[in-house]
Amino acid sequence: MVVVAVLLSILFSGLGQFFNRQWLKGAIFIVLGFLLWFVLLGWIVHLVALVDAGFVAWRRTGAD
């Protein structure tokens, strides 16, 4: 589950959050990522979304 969330987030910022059923957070990452790519800061949002998706999925699975 963690790997899927991270891979989805690598493909497109916010998809990992949708996979984790965090609809609002996913939508925010998609919008922020899209808007900030125009000023070359979108990679920051993409990285935060990637880490967040993995962490939330890891927490939900109870992995150590």
Protein backbone atom coordinates (compact mmCIF):
# COMPACT_ATOMS: atom_id res chain seq x y z
CA MET A 1 0.00 0.00 0.00
CA VAL A 2 2.84 2.39 0.83
CA VAL A 3 4.59 1.67 -2.45
CA VAL A 4 1.41 2.29 -4.45
CA ALA A 5 0.77 5.63 -2.72
CA VAL A 6 4.34 6.77 -3.33
CA LEU A 7 4.34 5.63 -6.97
CA LEU A 8 1.07 7.44 -7.64
CA SER A 9 2.47 10.56 -6.04
CA ILE A 10 5.59 10.31 -8.20
CA LEU A 11 3.40 10.13 -11.30
CA PHE A 12 1.32 13.14 -10.37
CA SER A 13 1.32 15.30 -7.27
CA GLY A 14 -1.80 14.59 -5.19
CA LEU A 15 -2.64 11.14 -6.55
CA GLY A 16 -1.10 9.45 -3.53
CA GLN A 17 -3.38 11.49 -1.28
CA PHE A 18 -6.41 10.42 -3.32
CA PHE A 19 -5.27 6.80 -2.96
CA ASN A 20 -5.11 7.38 0.81
CA ARG A 21 -8.65 8.84 0.66
CA GLN A 22 -7.51 12.32 1.62
CA TRP A 23 -9.62 14.11 -0.99
CA LEU A 24 -9.13 17.71 0.12
CA LYS A 25 -5.39 17.36 0.65
CA GLY A 26 -5.02 15.70 -2.76
CA ALA A 27 -6.94 18.49 -4.46
CA ILE A 28 -4.81 21.12 -2.70
CA PHE A 29 -1.58 19.44 -3.81
CA ILE A 30 -2.82 19.21 -7.39
CA VAL A 31 -3.84 22.87 -7.54
CA LEU A 32 -0.73 24.16 -5.75
CA GLY A 33 1.56 21.99 -7.81
CA PHE A 34 -0.04 23.14 -11.05
CA LEU A 35 0.08 26.83 -10.12
CA LEU A 36 3.59 26.77 -8.71
CA TRP A 37 5.13 24.95 -11.68
CA PHE A 38 4.77 28.24 -13.52
CA VAL A 39 7.19 29.91 -11.09
CA LEU A 40 9.45 26.84 -10.86
CA LEU A 41 8.41 26.00 -7.29
CA GLY A 42 6.09 23.13 -8.17
CA TRP A 43 8.81 20.59 -7.45
CA ILE A 44 8.60 21.57 -3.76
CA VAL A 45 4.88 20.78 -3.65
CA HIS A 46 5.52 17.56 -5.57
CA LEU A 47 8.18 16.48 -3.04
CA VAL A 48 5.95 17.32 -0.05
CA ALA A 49 3.05 15.39 -1.61
CA LEU A 50 5.32 12.42 -2.24
CA VAL A 51 6.59 12.27 1.35
CA ASP A 52 3.11 12.86 2.79
CA ALA A 53 1.50 10.10 0.70
CA GLY A 54 4.13 7.60 1.77
CA PHE A 55 3.99 8.58 5.42
CA VAL A 56 0.19 8.44 5.63
CA ALA A 57 0.06 5.06 3.88
CA TRP A 58 2.83 3.76 6.16
CA ARG A 59 0.94 4.97 9.25
CA ARG A 60 -2.31 3.36 8.08
CA THR A 61 -0.70 -0.04 7.46
CA GLY A 62 0.89 -0.06 10.90
CA ALA A 63 4.30 -0.79 9.41
CA ASP A 64 7.32 -0.34 11.61
